[in-house]
Amino acid sequence: GQEADFDATVVLAIDWSDLIDYEQLIAIPAVRDRIARAAAQSKKRLTGEEILDLYGKAMDKLTGVPLPMSALAGFAQSAYAKMGVKTGKSRRAAFAVPPGEMLTRLLCSLAKEGRAVRDVQQLSDGCIVKAALPSDLFALEGDLIVAVVRQGRATRVEAQTDIPGQMFDWGKSTRCLEGLLA
């Protein structure tokens, strides 16, 4: 067979900043490299469950009674979630940035903060990214849901947190959303 001519400089010169298709965007080496560099900056943090287990071990040493704190918290969160208890916040903003660039910035932010992408729903003019909102000292695990939508050459971003089974998150959602949109 005859091989097609391939010019790598043409591939590298493609402007992906306006691309809103998630699968096509993350297939681009320059985008993957940016996400990998952001992920390398991620700092390991203690999860809420790890903090609770440390507290349980300290109480066990003091009282002699083992307390499986993270298991108790998980049970309580599940029970409260079934009763409809939850917390969360939402924010929206518009940016004079092309949607492909904004989606890439979002993916870099998620990688840097250690928030794993759970699901992506492709829309005709954008996409919705659902990521883990890991547990910490303030709240147990939840979701961070971000819509990145094209508005001409600009982009609208709508973000919300959802933490089931917990009534208060002590500012975790607000800090998350403000940091994300900064």
C-alpha atoms as a PDB file:
ATOM      1  CA  GLY A   1       0.000   0.000   0.000  1.00  0.00           C
ATOM      2  CA  GLN A   2       0.882   3.560  -0.534  1.00  0.00           C
ATOM      3  CA  GLU A   3       1.461   5.648   2.608  1.00  0.00           C
ATOM      4  CA  ALA A   4      -0.096   9.090   2.862  1.00  0.00           C
ATOM      5  CA  ASP A   5       2.214  12.033   3.289  1.00  0.00           C
ATOM      6  CA  PHE A   6       2.310  13.105   6.936  1.00  0.00           C
ATOM      7  CA  ASP A   7       3.548  16.501   8.015  1.00  0.00           C
ATOM      8  CA  ALA A   8       4.017  16.668  11.820  1.00  0.00           C
ATOM      9  CA  THR A   9       4.350  20.455  11.735  1.00  0.00           C
ATOM     10  CA  VAL A  10       0.789  20.736  10.427  1.00  0.00           C
ATOM     11  CA  VAL A  11      -0.518  18.541  13.281  1.00  0.00           C
ATOM     12  CA  LEU A  12       1.396  20.569  15.861  1.00  0.00           C
ATOM     13  CA  ALA A  13       0.083  23.833  14.419  1.00  0.00           C
ATOM     14  CA  ILE A  14      -3.600  22.931  14.904  1.00  0.00           C
ATOM     15  CA  ASP A  15      -5.403  25.486  17.079  1.00  0.00           C
ATOM     16  CA  TRP A  16      -7.318  23.365  19.592  1.00  0.00           C
ATOM     17  CA  SER A  17      -8.347  26.314  21.795  1.00  0.00           C
ATOM     18  CA  ASP A  18     -11.831  26.440  20.248  1.00  0.00           C
ATOM     19  CA  LEU A  19     -12.388  22.672  20.410  1.00  0.00           C
ATOM     20  CA  ILE A  20     -15.170  21.699  22.853  1.00  0.00           C
ATOM     21  CA  ASP A  21     -15.277  17.941  22.220  1.00  0.00           C
ATOM     22  CA  TYR A  22     -13.749  16.333  25.336  1.00  0.00           C
ATOM     23  CA  GLU A  23     -12.458  13.137  23.655  1.00  0.00           C
ATOM     24  CA  GLN A  24     -10.848  15.040  20.779  1.00  0.00           C
ATOM     25  CA  LEU A  25      -9.335  17.576  23.155  1.00  0.00           C
ATOM     26  CA  ILE A  26      -7.687  15.075  25.499  1.00  0.00           C
ATOM     27  CA  ALA A  27      -6.298  13.178  22.497  1.00  0.00           C
ATOM     28  CA  ILE A  28      -4.058  16.169  21.705  1.00  0.00           C
ATOM     29  CA  PRO A  29      -0.543  15.668  23.128  1.00  0.00           C
ATOM     30  CA  ALA A  30      -0.130  19.335  24.141  1.00  0.00           C
ATOM     31  CA  VAL A  31      -3.343  19.150  26.207  1.00  0.00           C
ATOM     32  CA  ARG A  32      -2.347  15.851  27.829  1.00  0.00           C
ATOM     33  CA  ASP A  33       1.062  17.340  28.670  1.00  0.00           C
ATOM     34  CA  ARG A  34      -0.531  20.367  30.381  1.00  0.00           C
ATOM     35  CA  ILE A  35      -2.795  18.096  32.429  1.00  0.00           C
ATOM     36  CA  ALA A  36       0.151  15.854  33.375  1.00  0.00           C
ATOM     37  CA  ARG A  37       2.203  18.878  34.507  1.00  0.00           C
ATOM     38  CA  ALA A  38      -0.722  20.059  36.643  1.00  0.00           C
ATOM     39  CA  ALA A  39      -1.163  16.584  38.145  1.00  0.00           C
ATOM     40  CA  ALA A  40       2.533  16.557  39.071  1.00  0.00           C
ATOM     41  CA  GLN A  41       1.889  19.649  41.236  1.00  0.00           C
ATOM     42  CA  SER A  42      -0.845  17.862  43.213  1.00  0.00           C
ATOM     43  CA  LYS A  43      -0.134  17.533  46.925  1.00  0.00           C
ATOM     44  CA  LYS A  44      -1.181  14.453  48.865  1.00  0.00           C
ATOM     45  CA  ARG A  45      -3.741  15.489  51.478  1.00  0.00           C
ATOM     46  CA  LEU A  46      -5.294  13.495  54.268  1.00  0.00           C
ATOM     47  CA  THR A  47      -8.847  12.451  53.462  1.00  0.00           C
ATOM     48  CA  GLY A  48     -11.659  12.959  55.943  1.00  0.00           C
ATOM     49  CA  GLU A  49     -11.711   9.213  56.550  1.00  0.00           C
ATOM     50  CA  GLU A  50      -7.971   9.176  57.333  1.00  0.00           C
ATOM     51  CA  ILE A  51      -8.425  12.076  59.773  1.00  0.00           C
ATOM     52  CA  LEU A  52     -11.313  10.264  61.469  1.00  0.00           C
ATOM     53  CA  ASP A  53      -9.279   7.056  61.722  1.00  0.00           C
ATOM     54  CA  LEU A  54      -6.404   8.963  63.367  1.00  0.00           C
ATOM     55  CA  TYR A  55      -8.887  10.411  65.855  1.00  0.00           C
ATOM     56  CA  GLY A  56     -10.345   6.932  66.457  1.00  0.00           C
ATOM     57  CA  LYS A  57      -6.878   5.482  67.129  1.00  0.00           C
ATOM     58  CA  ALA A  58      -6.105   8.291  69.585  1.00  0.00           C
ATOM     59  CA  MET A  59      -9.409   7.656  71.400  1.00  0.00           C
ATOM     60  CA  ASP A  60      -8.666   3.914  71.448  1.00  0.00           C
ATOM     61  CA  LYS A  61      -5.339   4.605  73.200  1.00  0.00           C
ATOM     62  CA  LEU A  62      -7.074   6.832  75.764  1.00  0.00           C
ATOM     63  CA  THR A  63     -10.151   4.729  76.422  1.00  0.00           C
ATOM     64  CA  GLY A  64      -9.149   1.235  75.341  1.00  0.00           C
ATOM     65  CA  VAL A  65     -12.302   1.124  73.193  1.00  0.00           C
ATOM     66  CA  PRO A  66     -11.689   0.862  69.436  1.00  0.00           C
ATOM     67  CA  LEU A  67     -13.804   3.358  67.502  1.00  0.00           C
ATOM     68  CA  PRO A  68     -14.088   2.763  63.732  1.00  0.00           C
ATOM     69  CA  MET A  69     -14.708   6.459  63.074  1.00  0.00           C
ATOM     70  CA  SER A  70     -14.507   6.410  59.260  1.00  0.00           C
ATOM     71  CA  ALA A  71     -16.922   3.467  59.078  1.00  0.00           C
ATOM     72  CA  LEU A  72     -19.327   5.265  61.403  1.00  0.00           C
ATOM     73  CA  ALA A  73     -19.070   8.460  59.320  1.00  0.00           C
ATOM     74  CA  GLY A  74     -19.689   6.494  56.101  1.00  0.00           C
ATOM     75  CA  PHE A  75     -22.760   4.847  57.633  1.00  0.00           C
ATOM     76  CA  ALA A  76     -24.077   8.194  58.883  1.00  0.00           C
ATOM     77  CA  GLN A  77     -23.476   9.876  55.515  1.00  0.00           C
ATOM     78  CA  SER A  78     -25.326   7.099  53.709  1.00  0.00           C
ATOM     79  CA  ALA A  79     -28.247   7.219  56.149  1.00  0.00           C
ATOM     80  CA  TYR A  80     -28.554  11.008  55.963  1.00  0.00           C
ATOM     81  CA  ALA A  81     -28.278  10.934  52.162  1.00  0.00           C
ATOM     82  CA  LYS A  82     -31.211   8.502  52.014  1.00  0.00           C
ATOM     83  CA  MET A  83     -33.202  11.019  54.053  1.00  0.00           C
ATOM     84  CA  GLY A  84     -32.386  13.723  51.493  1.00  0.00           C
ATOM     85  CA  VAL A  85     -29.879  15.642  53.593  1.00  0.00           C
ATOM     86  CA  LYS A  86     -27.198  17.300  51.476  1.00  0.00           C
ATOM     87  CA  THR A  87     -25.259  20.488  50.989  1.00  0.00           C
ATOM     88  CA  GLY A  88     -23.650  22.270  48.092  1.00  0.00           C
ATOM     89  CA  LYS A  89     -23.161  25.581  46.359  1.00  0.00           C
ATOM     90  CA  SER A  90     -23.183  26.794  42.778  1.00  0.00           C
ATOM     91  CA  ARG A  91     -21.432  29.563  40.868  1.00  0.00           C
ATOM     92  CA  ARG A  92     -21.355  30.726  37.268  1.00  0.00           C
ATOM     93  CA  ALA A  93     -19.083  33.010  35.327  1.00  0.00           C
ATOM     94  CA  ALA A  94     -18.295  34.002  31.757  1.00  0.00           C
ATOM     95  CA  PHE A  95     -14.739  34.203  30.440  1.00  0.00           C
ATOM     96  CA  ALA A  96     -13.288  35.836  27.327  1.00  0.00           C
ATOM     97  CA  VAL A  97     -11.415  32.600  26.664  1.00  0.00           C
ATOM     98  CA  PRO A  98     -12.140  30.038  23.916  1.00  0.00           C
ATOM     99  CA  PRO A  99     -13.970  26.926  25.185  1.00  0.00           C
ATOM    100  CA  GLY A 100     -11.173  24.435  24.414  1.00  0.00           C
ATOM    101  CA  GLU A 101      -8.728  26.506  26.431  1.00  0.00           C
ATOM    102  CA  MET A 102     -11.243  26.797  29.288  1.00  0.00           C
ATOM    103  CA  LEU A 103     -11.942  23.056  29.295  1.00  0.00           C
ATOM    104  CA  THR A 104      -8.198  22.392  29.366  1.00  0.00           C
ATOM    105  CA  ARG A 105      -7.788  24.809  32.290  1.00  0.00           C
ATOM    106  CA  LEU A 106     -10.593  22.991  34.112  1.00  0.00           C
ATOM    107  CA  LEU A 107      -8.950  19.595  33.581  1.00  0.00           C
ATOM    108  CA  CYS A 108      -5.617  21.005  34.781  1.00  0.00           C
ATOM    109  CA  SER A 109      -7.270  22.457  37.886  1.00  0.00           C
ATOM    110  CA  LEU A 110      -8.936  19.129  38.672  1.00  0.00           C
ATOM    111  CA  ALA A 111      -5.646  17.274  38.222  1.00  0.00           C
ATOM    112  CA  LYS A 112      -3.718  19.729  40.402  1.00  0.00           C
ATOM    113  CA  GLU A 113      -6.311  19.477  43.202  1.00  0.00           C
ATOM    114  CA  GLY A 114      -6.445  15.665  43.031  1.00  0.00           C
ATOM    115  CA  ARG A 115     -10.080  15.603  41.849  1.00  0.00           C
ATOM    116  CA  ALA A 116     -10.550  12.570  39.614  1.00  0.00           C
ATOM    117  CA  VAL A 117     -12.860  12.914  36.619  1.00  0.00           C
ATOM    118  CA  ARG A 118     -15.787  10.535  37.159  1.00  0.00           C
ATOM    119  CA  ASP A 119     -17.872  11.227  34.066  1.00  0.00           C
ATOM    120  CA  VAL A 120     -18.098  13.520  31.051  1.00  0.00           C
ATOM    121  CA  GLN A 121     -21.319  14.257  29.221  1.00  0.00           C
ATOM    122  CA  GLN A 122     -20.792  15.766  25.782  1.00  0.00           C
ATOM    123  CA  LEU A 123     -23.204  18.493  24.676  1.00  0.00           C
ATOM    124  CA  SER A 124     -23.498  20.028  21.210  1.00  0.00           C
ATOM    125  CA  ASP A 125     -22.009  23.329  22.437  1.00  0.00           C
ATOM    126  CA  GLY A 126     -20.052  22.199  25.504  1.00  0.00           C
ATOM    127  CA  CYS A 127     -19.643  19.450  28.023  1.00  0.00           C
ATOM    128  CA  ILE A 128     -20.394  18.625  31.631  1.00  0.00           C
ATOM    129  CA  VAL A 129     -17.556  17.228  33.714  1.00  0.00           C
ATOM    130  CA  LYS A 130     -18.345  15.401  36.944  1.00  0.00           C
ATOM    131  CA  ALA A 131     -15.359  15.043  39.262  1.00  0.00           C
ATOM    132  CA  ALA A 132     -14.726  13.714  42.743  1.00  0.00           C
ATOM    133  CA  LEU A 133     -14.743  16.229  45.551  1.00  0.00           C
ATOM    134  CA  PRO A 134     -12.594  14.251  47.993  1.00  0.00           C
ATOM    135  CA  SER A 135     -13.352  14.187  51.673  1.00  0.00           C
ATOM    136  CA  ASP A 136     -11.326  16.364  53.984  1.00  0.00           C
ATOM    137  CA  LEU A 137     -11.435  17.842  57.476  1.00  0.00           C
ATOM    138  CA  PHE A 138     -14.610  19.826  56.640  1.00  0.00           C
ATOM    139  CA  ALA A 139     -16.799  17.404  54.697  1.00  0.00           C
ATOM    140  CA  LEU A 140     -17.034  13.876  53.441  1.00  0.00           C
ATOM    141  CA  GLU A 141     -16.809  13.001  49.745  1.00  0.00           C
ATOM    142  CA  GLY A 142     -19.085  14.597  47.187  1.00  0.00           C
ATOM    143  CA  ASP A 143     -19.188  15.659  43.561  1.00  0.00           C
ATOM    144  CA  LEU A 144     -18.007  18.694  41.671  1.00  0.00           C
ATOM    145  CA  ILE A 145     -20.063  19.211  38.508  1.00  0.00           C
ATOM    146  CA  VAL A 146     -18.850  21.756  35.951  1.00  0.00           C
ATOM    147  CA  ALA A 147     -20.484  22.741  32.663  1.00  0.00           C
ATOM    148  CA  VAL A 148     -18.220  24.407  30.111  1.00  0.00           C
ATOM    149  CA  VAL A 149     -20.364  25.943  27.344  1.00  0.00           C
ATOM    150  CA  ARG A 150     -19.398  27.853  24.225  1.00  0.00           C
ATOM    151  CA  GLN A 151     -20.686  31.419  23.895  1.00  0.00           C
ATOM    152  CA  GLY A 152     -19.229  32.579  20.589  1.00  0.00           C
ATOM    153  CA  ARG A 153     -15.459  32.789  21.133  1.00  0.00           C
ATOM    154  CA  ALA A 154     -16.038  33.113  24.882  1.00  0.00           C
ATOM    155  CA  THR A 155     -17.039  30.486  27.440  1.00  0.00           C
ATOM    156  CA  ARG A 156     -19.652  30.206  30.170  1.00  0.00           C
ATOM    157  CA  VAL A 157     -18.762  28.054  33.164  1.00  0.00           C
ATOM    158  CA  GLU A 158     -21.370  26.805  35.625  1.00  0.00           C
ATOM    159  CA  ALA A 159     -20.073  24.846  38.598  1.00  0.00           C
ATOM    160  CA  GLN A 160     -21.712  23.248  41.593  1.00  0.00           C
ATOM    161  CA  THR A 161     -20.781  21.023  44.485  1.00  0.00           C
ATOM    162  CA  ASP A 162     -22.998  18.271  45.822  1.00  0.00           C
ATOM    163  CA  ILE A 163     -22.174  16.623  49.148  1.00  0.00           C
ATOM    164  CA  PRO A 164     -24.822  14.068  50.106  1.00  0.00           C
ATOM    165  CA  GLY A 165     -25.557  13.130  53.696  1.00  0.00           C
ATOM    166  CA  GLN A 166     -24.118  16.275  55.229  1.00  0.00           C
ATOM    167  CA  MET A 167     -26.001  19.449  56.103  1.00  0.00           C
ATOM    168  CA  PHE A 168     -22.994  21.796  56.447  1.00  0.00           C
ATOM    169  CA  ASP A 169     -19.602  21.724  54.746  1.00  0.00           C
ATOM    170  CA  TRP A 170     -18.003  24.566  56.731  1.00  0.00           C
ATOM    171  CA  GLY A 171     -17.097  26.575  53.628  1.00  0.00           C
ATOM    172  CA  LYS A 172     -15.599  23.708  51.616  1.00  0.00           C
ATOM    173  CA  SER A 173     -17.945  24.246  48.643  1.00  0.00           C
ATOM    174  CA  THR A 174     -17.392  27.999  48.596  1.00  0.00           C
ATOM    175  CA  ARG A 175     -13.592  27.615  48.716  1.00  0.00           C
ATOM    176  CA  CYS A 176     -13.684  24.951  46.005  1.00  0.00           C
ATOM    177  CA  LEU A 177     -15.809  27.005  43.613  1.00  0.00           C
ATOM    178  CA  GLU A 178     -13.955  30.271  44.226  1.00  0.00           C
ATOM    179  CA  GLY A 179     -10.624  28.523  43.619  1.00  0.00           C
ATOM    180  CA  LEU A 180     -11.932  26.816  40.500  1.00  0.00           C
ATOM    181  CA  LEU A 181     -13.291  30.011  38.930  1.00  0.00           C
ATOM    182  CA  ALA A 182     -10.223  32.051  39.886  1.00  0.00           C
END
